[in-house]
All heavy atoms as atom14 arrays in JSON, in Angstrom:
{
  "sequence": "ADGGTLFLDEIGDISPAFQTKLLRVLQEREFERVGGSRPIKVDVRLVC",
  "atom14_mask": [
    [1, 1, 1, 1, 1, 0, 0, 0, 0, 0, 0, 0, 0, 0],
    [1, 1, 1, 1, 1, 1, 1, 1, 0, 0, 0, 0, 0, 0],
    [1, 1, 1, 1, 0, 0, 0, 0, 0, 0, 0, 0, 0, 0],
    [1, 1, 1, 1, 0, 0, 0, 0, 0, 0, 0, 0, 0, 0],
    [1, 1, 1, 1, 1, 1, 1, 0, 0, 0, 0, 0, 0, 0],
    [1, 1, 1, 1, 1, 1, 1, 1, 0, 0, 0, 0, 0, 0],
    [1, 1, 1, 1, 1, 1, 1, 1, 1, 1, 1, 0, 0, 0],
    [1, 1, 1, 1, 1, 1, 1, 1, 0, 0, 0, 0, 0, 0],
    [1, 1, 1, 1, 1, 1, 1, 1, 0, 0, 0, 0, 0, 0],
    [1, 1, 1, 1, 1, 1, 1, 1, 1, 0, 0, 0, 0, 0],
    [1, 1, 1, 1, 1, 1, 1, 1, 0, 0, 0, 0, 0, 0],
    [1, 1, 1, 1, 0, 0, 0, 0, 0, 0, 0, 0, 0, 0],
    [1, 1, 1, 1, 1, 1, 1, 1, 0, 0, 0, 0, 0, 0],
    [1, 1, 1, 1, 1, 1, 1, 1, 0, 0, 0, 0, 0, 0],
    [1, 1, 1, 1, 1, 1, 0, 0, 0, 0, 0, 0, 0, 0],
    [1, 1, 1, 1, 1, 1, 1, 0, 0, 0, 0, 0, 0, 0],
    [1, 1, 1, 1, 1, 0, 0, 0, 0, 0, 0, 0, 0, 0],
    [1, 1, 1, 1, 1, 1, 1, 1, 1, 1, 1, 0, 0, 0],
    [1, 1, 1, 1, 1, 1, 1, 1, 1, 0, 0, 0, 0, 0],
    [1, 1, 1, 1, 1, 1, 1, 0, 0, 0, 0, 0, 0, 0],
    [1, 1, 1, 1, 1, 1, 1, 1, 1, 0, 0, 0, 0, 0],
    [1, 1, 1, 1, 1, 1, 1, 1, 0, 0, 0, 0, 0, 0],
    [1, 1, 1, 1, 1, 1, 1, 1, 0, 0, 0, 0, 0, 0],
    [1, 1, 1, 1, 1, 1, 1, 1, 1, 1, 1, 0, 0, 0],
    [1, 1, 1, 1, 1, 1, 1, 0, 0, 0, 0, 0, 0, 0],
    [1, 1, 1, 1, 1, 1, 1, 1, 0, 0, 0, 0, 0, 0],
    [1, 1, 1, 1, 1, 1, 1, 1, 1, 0, 0, 0, 0, 0],
    [1, 1, 1, 1, 1, 1, 1, 1, 1, 0, 0, 0, 0, 0],
    [1, 1, 1, 1, 1, 1, 1, 1, 1, 1, 1, 0, 0, 0],
    [1, 1, 1, 1, 1, 1, 1, 1, 1, 0, 0, 0, 0, 0],
    [1, 1, 1, 1, 1, 1, 1, 1, 1, 1, 1, 0, 0, 0],
    [1, 1, 1, 1, 1, 1, 1, 1, 1, 0, 0, 0, 0, 0],
    [1, 1, 1, 1, 1, 1, 1, 1, 1, 1, 1, 0, 0, 0],
    [1, 1, 1, 1, 1, 1, 1, 0, 0, 0, 0, 0, 0, 0],
    [1, 1, 1, 1, 0, 0, 0, 0, 0, 0, 0, 0, 0, 0],
    [1, 1, 1, 1, 0, 0, 0, 0, 0, 0, 0, 0, 0, 0],
    [1, 1, 1, 1, 1, 1, 0, 0, 0, 0, 0, 0, 0, 0],
    [1, 1, 1, 1, 1, 1, 1, 1, 1, 1, 1, 0, 0, 0],
    [1, 1, 1, 1, 1, 1, 1, 0, 0, 0, 0, 0, 0, 0],
    [1, 1, 1, 1, 1, 1, 1, 1, 0, 0, 0, 0, 0, 0],
    [1, 1, 1, 1, 1, 1, 1, 1, 1, 0, 0, 0, 0, 0],
    [1, 1, 1, 1, 1, 1, 1, 0, 0, 0, 0, 0, 0, 0],
    [1, 1, 1, 1, 1, 1, 1, 1, 0, 0, 0, 0, 0, 0],
    [1, 1, 1, 1, 1, 1, 1, 0, 0, 0, 0, 0, 0, 0],
    [1, 1, 1, 1, 1, 1, 1, 1, 1, 1, 1, 0, 0, 0],
    [1, 1, 1, 1, 1, 1, 1, 1, 0, 0, 0, 0, 0, 0],
    [1, 1, 1, 1, 1, 1, 1, 0, 0, 0, 0, 0, 0, 0],
    [1, 1, 1, 1, 1, 1, 0, 0, 0, 0, 0, 0, 0, 0]
  ],
  "atom14_positions": [
    [[48.93, 86.47, 23.96], [48.72, 87.7, 23.18], [49.81, 87.93, 22.14], [49.81, 88.99, 21.49], [48.65, 88.9, 24.13], [0.0, 0.0, 0.0], [0.0, 0.0, 0.0], [0.0, 0.0, 0.0], [0.0, 0.0, 0.0], [0.0, 0.0, 0.0], [0.0, 0.0, 0.0], [0.0, 0.0, 0.0], [0.0, 0.0, 0.0], [0.0, 0.0, 0.0]],
    [[50.74, 87.02, 21.98], [51.84, 87.21, 21.03], [51.3, 87.49, 19.63], [50.47, 86.74, 19.1], [52.71, 85.95, 21.01], [54.0, 86.18, 20.24], [54.45, 87.34, 20.15], [54.56, 85.19, 19.72], [0.0, 0.0, 0.0], [0.0, 0.0, 0.0], [0.0, 0.0, 0.0], [0.0, 0.0, 0.0], [0.0, 0.0, 0.0], [0.0, 0.0, 0.0]],
    [[51.74, 88.6, 19.05], [51.25, 89.01, 17.73], [49.97, 89.81, 17.79], [49.46, 90.22, 16.74], [0.0, 0.0, 0.0], [0.0, 0.0, 0.0], [0.0, 0.0, 0.0], [0.0, 0.0, 0.0], [0.0, 0.0, 0.0], [0.0, 0.0, 0.0], [0.0, 0.0, 0.0], [0.0, 0.0, 0.0], [0.0, 0.0, 0.0], [0.0, 0.0, 0.0]],
    [[49.47, 90.04, 19.0], [48.22, 90.77, 19.14], [48.32, 91.85, 20.2], [49.35, 92.51, 20.34], [0.0, 0.0, 0.0], [0.0, 0.0, 0.0], [0.0, 0.0, 0.0], [0.0, 0.0, 0.0], [0.0, 0.0, 0.0], [0.0, 0.0, 0.0], [0.0, 0.0, 0.0], [0.0, 0.0, 0.0], [0.0, 0.0, 0.0], [0.0, 0.0, 0.0]],
    [[47.23, 92.02, 20.96], [47.14, 93.08, 21.95], [46.81, 92.5, 23.31], [45.94, 91.62, 23.43], [46.04, 94.09, 21.55], [46.34, 94.62, 20.26], [45.96, 95.24, 22.55], [0.0, 0.0, 0.0], [0.0, 0.0, 0.0], [0.0, 0.0, 0.0], [0.0, 0.0, 0.0], [0.0, 0.0, 0.0], [0.0, 0.0, 0.0], [0.0, 0.0, 0.0]],
    [[47.51, 92.98, 24.34], [47.23, 92.59, 25.72], [46.64, 93.79, 26.45], [47.26, 94.86, 26.52], [48.5, 92.11, 26.42], [48.37, 91.76, 27.91], [47.38, 90.61, 28.1], [49.73, 91.42, 28.5], [0.0, 0.0, 0.0], [0.0, 0.0, 0.0], [0.0, 0.0, 0.0], [0.0, 0.0, 0.0], [0.0, 0.0, 0.0], [0.0, 0.0, 0.0]],
    [[45.44, 93.62, 26.99], [44.76, 94.7, 27.72], [44.83, 94.4, 29.21], [44.26, 93.41, 29.68], [43.31, 94.8, 27.26], [42.49, 95.78, 28.06], [42.9, 97.1, 28.2], [41.31, 95.38, 28.67], [42.15, 98.01, 28.94], [40.55, 96.27, 29.41], [40.97, 97.59, 29.55], [0.0, 0.0, 0.0], [0.0, 0.0, 0.0], [0.0, 0.0, 0.0]],
    [[45.53, 95.25, 29.95], [45.65, 95.11, 31.4], [44.77, 96.16, 32.05], [45.11, 97.35, 32.09], [47.11, 95.28, 31.83], [48.09, 94.24, 31.3], [49.48, 94.49, 31.86], [47.63, 92.82, 31.63], [0.0, 0.0, 0.0], [0.0, 0.0, 0.0], [0.0, 0.0, 0.0], [0.0, 0.0, 0.0], [0.0, 0.0, 0.0], [0.0, 0.0, 0.0]],
    [[43.65, 95.72, 32.59], [42.72, 96.64, 33.26], [43.14, 96.81, 34.71], [43.72, 95.92, 35.32], [41.3, 96.08, 33.16], [40.24, 97.14, 33.41], [40.61, 98.33, 33.57], [39.06, 96.79, 33.44], [0.0, 0.0, 0.0], [0.0, 0.0, 0.0], [0.0, 0.0, 0.0], [0.0, 0.0, 0.0], [0.0, 0.0, 0.0], [0.0, 0.0, 0.0]],
    [[42.81, 97.99, 35.26], [43.14, 98.32, 36.65], [44.63, 98.14, 36.93], [45.03, 97.53, 37.94], [42.29, 97.46, 37.61], [40.79, 97.54, 37.37], [40.23, 98.95, 37.57], [40.95, 99.82, 38.08], [39.06, 99.16, 37.22], [0.0, 0.0, 0.0], [0.0, 0.0, 0.0], [0.0, 0.0, 0.0], [0.0, 0.0, 0.0], [0.0, 0.0, 0.0]],
    [[45.47, 98.68, 36.05], [46.91, 98.55, 36.19], [47.4, 99.25, 37.45], [48.45, 98.91, 38.0], [47.62, 99.13, 34.93], [49.12, 98.79, 34.93], [47.4, 100.63, 34.83], [49.41, 97.38, 34.64], [0.0, 0.0, 0.0], [0.0, 0.0, 0.0], [0.0, 0.0, 0.0], [0.0, 0.0, 0.0], [0.0, 0.0, 0.0], [0.0, 0.0, 0.0]],
    [[46.64, 100.23, 37.94], [47.04, 100.96, 39.14], [46.91, 100.16, 40.42], [47.35, 100.62, 41.48], [0.0, 0.0, 0.0], [0.0, 0.0, 0.0], [0.0, 0.0, 0.0], [0.0, 0.0, 0.0], [0.0, 0.0, 0.0], [0.0, 0.0, 0.0], [0.0, 0.0, 0.0], [0.0, 0.0, 0.0], [0.0, 0.0, 0.0], [0.0, 0.0, 0.0]],
    [[46.31, 98.95, 40.37], [46.08, 98.16, 41.57], [47.14, 97.09, 41.81], [47.03, 96.33, 42.76], [44.71, 97.5, 41.51], [43.58, 98.52, 41.64], [43.69, 99.38, 42.52], [42.63, 98.46, 40.85], [0.0, 0.0, 0.0], [0.0, 0.0, 0.0], [0.0, 0.0, 0.0], [0.0, 0.0, 0.0], [0.0, 0.0, 0.0], [0.0, 0.0, 0.0]],
    [[48.15, 96.98, 40.94], [49.16, 95.95, 41.14], [50.13, 96.4, 42.24], [50.37, 97.58, 42.45], [49.92, 95.63, 39.84], [50.68, 96.86, 39.34], [48.99, 95.11, 38.78], [51.52, 96.56, 38.1], [0.0, 0.0, 0.0], [0.0, 0.0, 0.0], [0.0, 0.0, 0.0], [0.0, 0.0, 0.0], [0.0, 0.0, 0.0], [0.0, 0.0, 0.0]],
    [[50.69, 95.44, 42.94], [51.56, 95.73, 44.08], [52.9, 96.27, 43.62], [53.33, 96.02, 42.49], [51.79, 94.45, 44.89], [52.54, 93.52, 44.12], [0.0, 0.0, 0.0], [0.0, 0.0, 0.0], [0.0, 0.0, 0.0], [0.0, 0.0, 0.0], [0.0, 0.0, 0.0], [0.0, 0.0, 0.0], [0.0, 0.0, 0.0], [0.0, 0.0, 0.0]],
    [[53.61, 97.0, 44.48], [54.93, 97.51, 44.12], [55.91, 96.42, 43.71], [56.72, 96.61, 42.8], [55.4, 98.23, 45.4], [54.13, 98.64, 46.08], [53.16, 97.53, 45.79], [0.0, 0.0, 0.0], [0.0, 0.0, 0.0], [0.0, 0.0, 0.0], [0.0, 0.0, 0.0], [0.0, 0.0, 0.0], [0.0, 0.0, 0.0], [0.0, 0.0, 0.0]],
    [[55.83, 95.26, 44.37], [56.74, 94.16, 44.02], [56.48, 93.65, 42.61], [57.41, 93.39, 41.83], [56.59, 93.02, 45.04], [0.0, 0.0, 0.0], [0.0, 0.0, 0.0], [0.0, 0.0, 0.0], [0.0, 0.0, 0.0], [0.0, 0.0, 0.0], [0.0, 0.0, 0.0], [0.0, 0.0, 0.0], [0.0, 0.0, 0.0], [0.0, 0.0, 0.0]],
    [[55.2, 93.54, 42.25], [54.89, 93.05, 40.91], [55.16, 94.12, 39.86], [55.41, 93.8, 38.71], [53.43, 92.58, 40.84], [53.13, 91.83, 39.57], [53.56, 90.52, 39.42], [52.45, 92.42, 38.53], [53.31, 89.82, 38.26], [52.19, 91.73, 37.37], [52.62, 90.42, 37.23], [0.0, 0.0, 0.0], [0.0, 0.0, 0.0], [0.0, 0.0, 0.0]],
    [[55.09, 95.39, 40.25], [55.42, 96.45, 39.3], [56.83, 96.27, 38.76], [57.09, 96.5, 37.57], [55.28, 97.82, 39.98], [53.87, 98.21, 40.32], [53.81, 99.49, 41.15], [54.71, 100.32, 41.08], [52.76, 99.64, 41.93], [0.0, 0.0, 0.0], [0.0, 0.0, 0.0], [0.0, 0.0, 0.0], [0.0, 0.0, 0.0], [0.0, 0.0, 0.0]],
    [[57.76, 95.85, 39.62], [59.15, 95.63, 39.2], [59.22, 94.52, 38.17], [59.94, 94.63, 37.16], [60.02, 95.28, 40.42], [59.89, 96.31, 41.4], [61.48, 95.13, 40.03], [0.0, 0.0, 0.0], [0.0, 0.0, 0.0], [0.0, 0.0, 0.0], [0.0, 0.0, 0.0], [0.0, 0.0, 0.0], [0.0, 0.0, 0.0], [0.0, 0.0, 0.0]],
    [[58.5, 93.42, 38.38], [58.51, 92.31, 37.43], [57.9, 92.72, 36.1], [58.42, 92.36, 35.03], [57.74, 91.13, 38.01], [58.34, 90.58, 39.3], [57.48, 89.45, 39.87], [58.06, 88.95, 41.2], [57.24, 87.87, 41.8], [0.0, 0.0, 0.0], [0.0, 0.0, 0.0], [0.0, 0.0, 0.0], [0.0, 0.0, 0.0], [0.0, 0.0, 0.0]],
    [[56.81, 93.48, 36.15], [56.16, 93.91, 34.92], [57.05, 94.87, 34.14], [57.13, 94.8, 32.91], [54.82, 94.57, 35.24], [54.0, 95.07, 34.05], [53.66, 93.92, 33.11], [52.73, 95.75, 34.52], [0.0, 0.0, 0.0], [0.0, 0.0, 0.0], [0.0, 0.0, 0.0], [0.0, 0.0, 0.0], [0.0, 0.0, 0.0], [0.0, 0.0, 0.0]],
    [[57.73, 95.75, 34.85], [58.62, 96.7, 34.19], [59.72, 95.99, 33.42], [60.06, 96.37, 32.29], [59.22, 97.65, 35.22], [60.23, 98.68, 34.68], [59.54, 99.62, 33.72], [60.86, 99.45, 35.84], [0.0, 0.0, 0.0], [0.0, 0.0, 0.0], [0.0, 0.0, 0.0], [0.0, 0.0, 0.0], [0.0, 0.0, 0.0], [0.0, 0.0, 0.0]],
    [[60.27, 94.93, 34.01], [61.34, 94.18, 33.33], [60.84, 93.58, 32.03], [61.52, 93.6, 31.0], [61.88, 93.09, 34.26], [62.94, 92.22, 33.59], [63.43, 91.12, 34.51], [64.33, 90.23, 33.82], [63.96, 89.2, 33.08], [62.66, 88.92, 32.95], [64.85, 88.44, 32.47], [0.0, 0.0, 0.0], [0.0, 0.0, 0.0], [0.0, 0.0, 0.0]],
    [[59.63, 93.05, 32.06], [59.07, 92.44, 30.86], [58.88, 93.5, 29.77], [59.18, 93.28, 28.59], [57.73, 91.75, 31.17], [57.08, 91.22, 29.9], [57.94, 90.62, 32.16], [0.0, 0.0, 0.0], [0.0, 0.0, 0.0], [0.0, 0.0, 0.0], [0.0, 0.0, 0.0], [0.0, 0.0, 0.0], [0.0, 0.0, 0.0], [0.0, 0.0, 0.0]],
    [[58.37, 94.66, 30.16], [58.13, 95.72, 29.18], [59.43, 96.26, 28.6], [59.48, 96.65, 27.44], [57.33, 96.85, 29.83], [55.94, 96.47, 30.36], [55.23, 97.7, 30.91], [55.1, 95.82, 29.28], [0.0, 0.0, 0.0], [0.0, 0.0, 0.0], [0.0, 0.0, 0.0], [0.0, 0.0, 0.0], [0.0, 0.0, 0.0], [0.0, 0.0, 0.0]],
    [[60.49, 96.28, 29.41], [61.77, 96.77, 28.92], [62.49, 95.76, 28.05], [63.02, 96.1, 26.99], [62.66, 97.15, 30.11], [62.21, 98.4, 30.85], [63.05, 98.65, 32.1], [63.65, 97.73, 32.64], [63.09, 99.9, 32.54], [0.0, 0.0, 0.0], [0.0, 0.0, 0.0], [0.0, 0.0, 0.0], [0.0, 0.0, 0.0], [0.0, 0.0, 0.0]],
    [[62.51, 94.52, 28.48], [63.27, 93.49, 27.78], [62.46, 92.78, 26.69], [63.04, 92.09, 25.85], [63.78, 92.44, 28.78], [64.59, 93.02, 29.93], [65.87, 93.67, 29.47], [66.38, 93.28, 28.4], [66.37, 94.59, 30.16], [0.0, 0.0, 0.0], [0.0, 0.0, 0.0], [0.0, 0.0, 0.0], [0.0, 0.0, 0.0], [0.0, 0.0, 0.0]],
    [[61.16, 92.91, 26.74], [60.29, 92.19, 25.8], [60.46, 90.68, 25.93], [60.27, 89.93, 24.95], [60.56, 92.62, 24.36], [60.23, 94.07, 24.07], [58.75, 94.29, 23.97], [58.4, 95.68, 23.75], [57.17, 96.13, 23.6], [56.16, 95.28, 23.66], [56.93, 97.41, 23.41], [0.0, 0.0, 0.0], [0.0, 0.0, 0.0], [0.0, 0.0, 0.0]],
    [[60.85, 90.21, 27.11], [60.96, 88.78, 27.36], [60.69, 88.52, 28.83], [60.77, 89.43, 29.67], [62.33, 88.25, 26.94], [63.48, 88.77, 27.77], [64.8, 88.14, 27.36], [64.93, 87.78, 26.18], [65.68, 88.02, 28.22], [0.0, 0.0, 0.0], [0.0, 0.0, 0.0], [0.0, 0.0, 0.0], [0.0, 0.0, 0.0], [0.0, 0.0, 0.0]],
    [[60.37, 87.27, 29.15], [60.06, 86.9, 30.53], [60.31, 85.41, 30.7], [60.63, 84.7, 29.72], [58.59, 87.22, 30.84], [57.62, 86.49, 29.97], [57.09, 85.26, 30.35], [57.23, 87.02, 28.73], [56.21, 84.58, 29.53], [56.36, 86.35, 27.91], [55.84, 85.13, 28.31], [0.0, 0.0, 0.0], [0.0, 0.0, 0.0], [0.0, 0.0, 0.0]],
    [[60.18, 84.94, 31.9], [60.29, 83.52, 32.2], [59.02, 83.07, 32.91], [58.47, 83.8, 33.73], [61.5, 83.26, 33.09], [62.81, 83.59, 32.41], [63.93, 83.84, 33.41], [63.66, 83.65, 34.61], [65.03, 84.25, 32.99], [0.0, 0.0, 0.0], [0.0, 0.0, 0.0], [0.0, 0.0, 0.0], [0.0, 0.0, 0.0], [0.0, 0.0, 0.0]],
    [[58.58, 81.88, 32.59], [57.42, 81.34, 33.3], [57.76, 81.09, 34.76], [58.93, 80.92, 35.11], [56.96, 80.04, 32.65], [56.36, 80.19, 31.27], [56.03, 78.84, 30.71], [55.5, 78.92, 29.35], [55.5, 77.92, 28.49], [56.0, 76.74, 28.85], [54.99, 78.08, 27.29], [0.0, 0.0, 0.0], [0.0, 0.0, 0.0], [0.0, 0.0, 0.0]],
    [[56.73, 81.08, 35.58], [56.93, 80.76, 36.99], [57.5, 79.35, 37.08], [56.93, 78.4, 36.55], [55.61, 80.86, 37.78], [55.82, 80.44, 39.24], [55.06, 82.26, 37.7], [0.0, 0.0, 0.0], [0.0, 0.0, 0.0], [0.0, 0.0, 0.0], [0.0, 0.0, 0.0], [0.0, 0.0, 0.0], [0.0, 0.0, 0.0], [0.0, 0.0, 0.0]],
    [[58.65, 79.22, 37.76], [59.29, 77.92, 37.88], [60.16, 77.57, 36.71], [60.75, 76.48, 36.67], [0.0, 0.0, 0.0], [0.0, 0.0, 0.0], [0.0, 0.0, 0.0], [0.0, 0.0, 0.0], [0.0, 0.0, 0.0], [0.0, 0.0, 0.0], [0.0, 0.0, 0.0], [0.0, 0.0, 0.0], [0.0, 0.0, 0.0], [0.0, 0.0, 0.0]],
    [[60.28, 78.44, 35.71], [61.08, 78.16, 34.54], [62.34, 79.0, 34.51], [62.5, 79.95, 35.27], [0.0, 0.0, 0.0], [0.0, 0.0, 0.0], [0.0, 0.0, 0.0], [0.0, 0.0, 0.0], [0.0, 0.0, 0.0], [0.0, 0.0, 0.0], [0.0, 0.0, 0.0], [0.0, 0.0, 0.0], [0.0, 0.0, 0.0], [0.0, 0.0, 0.0]],
    [[63.24, 78.65, 33.6], [64.49, 79.4, 33.45], [64.75, 79.81, 32.01], [65.71, 80.51, 31.73], [65.67, 78.55, 33.97], [65.75, 77.32, 33.25], [0.0, 0.0, 0.0], [0.0, 0.0, 0.0], [0.0, 0.0, 0.0], [0.0, 0.0, 0.0], [0.0, 0.0, 0.0], [0.0, 0.0, 0.0], [0.0, 0.0, 0.0], [0.0, 0.0, 0.0]],
    [[63.89, 79.38, 31.11], [64.08, 79.69, 29.7], [63.39, 81.01, 29.36], [62.18, 81.15, 29.56], [63.5, 78.57, 28.84], [63.6, 78.8, 27.34], [63.1, 77.57, 26.59], [61.73, 77.25, 26.94], [60.67, 77.73, 26.3], [60.83, 78.57, 25.28], [59.46, 77.37, 26.69], [0.0, 0.0, 0.0], [0.0, 0.0, 0.0], [0.0, 0.0, 0.0]],
    [[64.14, 82.01, 28.84], [63.49, 83.28, 28.48], [62.58, 83.1, 27.26], [62.92, 82.38, 26.32], [64.67, 84.21, 28.17], [65.79, 83.3, 27.79], [65.59, 82.04, 28.58], [0.0, 0.0, 0.0], [0.0, 0.0, 0.0], [0.0, 0.0, 0.0], [0.0, 0.0, 0.0], [0.0, 0.0, 0.0], [0.0, 0.0, 0.0], [0.0, 0.0, 0.0]],
    [[61.45, 83.75, 27.32], [60.47, 83.67, 26.23], [60.26, 85.08, 25.68], [59.93, 86.0, 26.44], [59.13, 83.09, 26.73], [59.34, 81.69, 27.28], [58.09, 83.11, 25.61], [58.1, 81.11, 27.95], [0.0, 0.0, 0.0], [0.0, 0.0, 0.0], [0.0, 0.0, 0.0], [0.0, 0.0, 0.0], [0.0, 0.0, 0.0], [0.0, 0.0, 0.0]],
    [[60.47, 85.25, 24.4], [60.29, 86.55, 23.76], [58.9, 86.62, 23.14], [58.41, 85.63, 22.57], [61.35, 86.79, 22.68], [62.72, 87.1, 23.24], [63.67, 87.52, 22.13], [64.99, 87.99, 22.7], [64.85, 89.28, 23.42], [0.0, 0.0, 0.0], [0.0, 0.0, 0.0], [0.0, 0.0, 0.0], [0.0, 0.0, 0.0], [0.0, 0.0, 0.0]],
    [[58.27, 87.78, 23.24], [56.93, 87.96, 22.68], [56.85, 89.3, 21.97], [57.61, 90.23, 22.27], [55.83, 87.89, 23.78], [55.69, 86.49, 24.32], [56.12, 88.89, 24.88], [0.0, 0.0, 0.0], [0.0, 0.0, 0.0], [0.0, 0.0, 0.0], [0.0, 0.0, 0.0], [0.0, 0.0, 0.0], [0.0, 0.0, 0.0], [0.0, 0.0, 0.0]],
    [[55.94, 89.39, 21.03], [55.64, 90.65, 20.33], [54.21, 91.03, 20.68], [53.25, 90.53, 20.09], [55.81, 90.46, 18.82], [55.41, 91.71, 18.03], [55.41, 92.81, 18.62], [55.09, 91.57, 16.84], [0.0, 0.0, 0.0], [0.0, 0.0, 0.0], [0.0, 0.0, 0.0], [0.0, 0.0, 0.0], [0.0, 0.0, 0.0], [0.0, 0.0, 0.0]],
    [[54.05, 91.91, 21.66], [52.74, 92.25, 22.2], [52.57, 93.76, 22.22], [53.48, 94.49, 22.62], [52.57, 91.69, 23.63], [51.27, 92.18, 24.26], [52.6, 90.17, 23.6], [0.0, 0.0, 0.0], [0.0, 0.0, 0.0], [0.0, 0.0, 0.0], [0.0, 0.0, 0.0], [0.0, 0.0, 0.0], [0.0, 0.0, 0.0], [0.0, 0.0, 0.0]],
    [[51.4, 94.23, 21.78], [51.06, 95.65, 21.93], [50.26, 95.78, 23.22], [49.26, 95.09, 23.43], [50.2, 96.08, 20.73], [50.22, 97.62, 20.47], [49.07, 98.32, 21.08], [49.1, 99.75, 20.8], [48.57, 100.32, 19.71], [47.99, 99.59, 18.8], [48.6, 101.65, 19.58], [0.0, 0.0, 0.0], [0.0, 0.0, 0.0], [0.0, 0.0, 0.0]],
    [[50.7, 96.66, 24.11], [50.09, 96.76, 25.44], [49.13, 97.95, 25.5], [49.46, 99.06, 25.11], [51.19, 96.93, 26.49], [50.75, 96.85, 27.96], [50.23, 95.45, 28.27], [51.91, 97.21, 28.87], [0.0, 0.0, 0.0], [0.0, 0.0, 0.0], [0.0, 0.0, 0.0], [0.0, 0.0, 0.0], [0.0, 0.0, 0.0], [0.0, 0.0, 0.0]],
    [[47.93, 97.68, 26.0], [46.96, 98.72, 26.3], [46.58, 98.54, 27.77], [46.17, 97.46, 28.18], [45.71, 98.62, 25.41], [44.7, 99.7, 25.79], [46.07, 98.76, 23.94], [0.0, 0.0, 0.0], [0.0, 0.0, 0.0], [0.0, 0.0, 0.0], [0.0, 0.0, 0.0], [0.0, 0.0, 0.0], [0.0, 0.0, 0.0], [0.0, 0.0, 0.0]],
    [[46.76, 99.61, 28.54], [46.45, 99.56, 29.97], [45.28, 100.48, 30.28], [44.96, 101.38, 29.51], [47.66, 99.98, 30.8], [49.13, 98.97, 30.51], [0.0, 0.0, 0.0], [0.0, 0.0, 0.0], [0.0, 0.0, 0.0], [0.0, 0.0, 0.0], [0.0, 0.0, 0.0], [0.0, 0.0, 0.0], [0.0, 0.0, 0.0], [0.0, 0.0, 0.0]]
  ]
}
């Protein structure tokens, strides 16, 4: 979704543990792939 829009439906159904991971991405605007260590920056407009 980089440069576009990411639509997350049923956002209220994610687990508390994953809420923490999602919050970090929204705050930092970067994340790491599963099994990776390189931070990846994205420009995404979020609609939930």
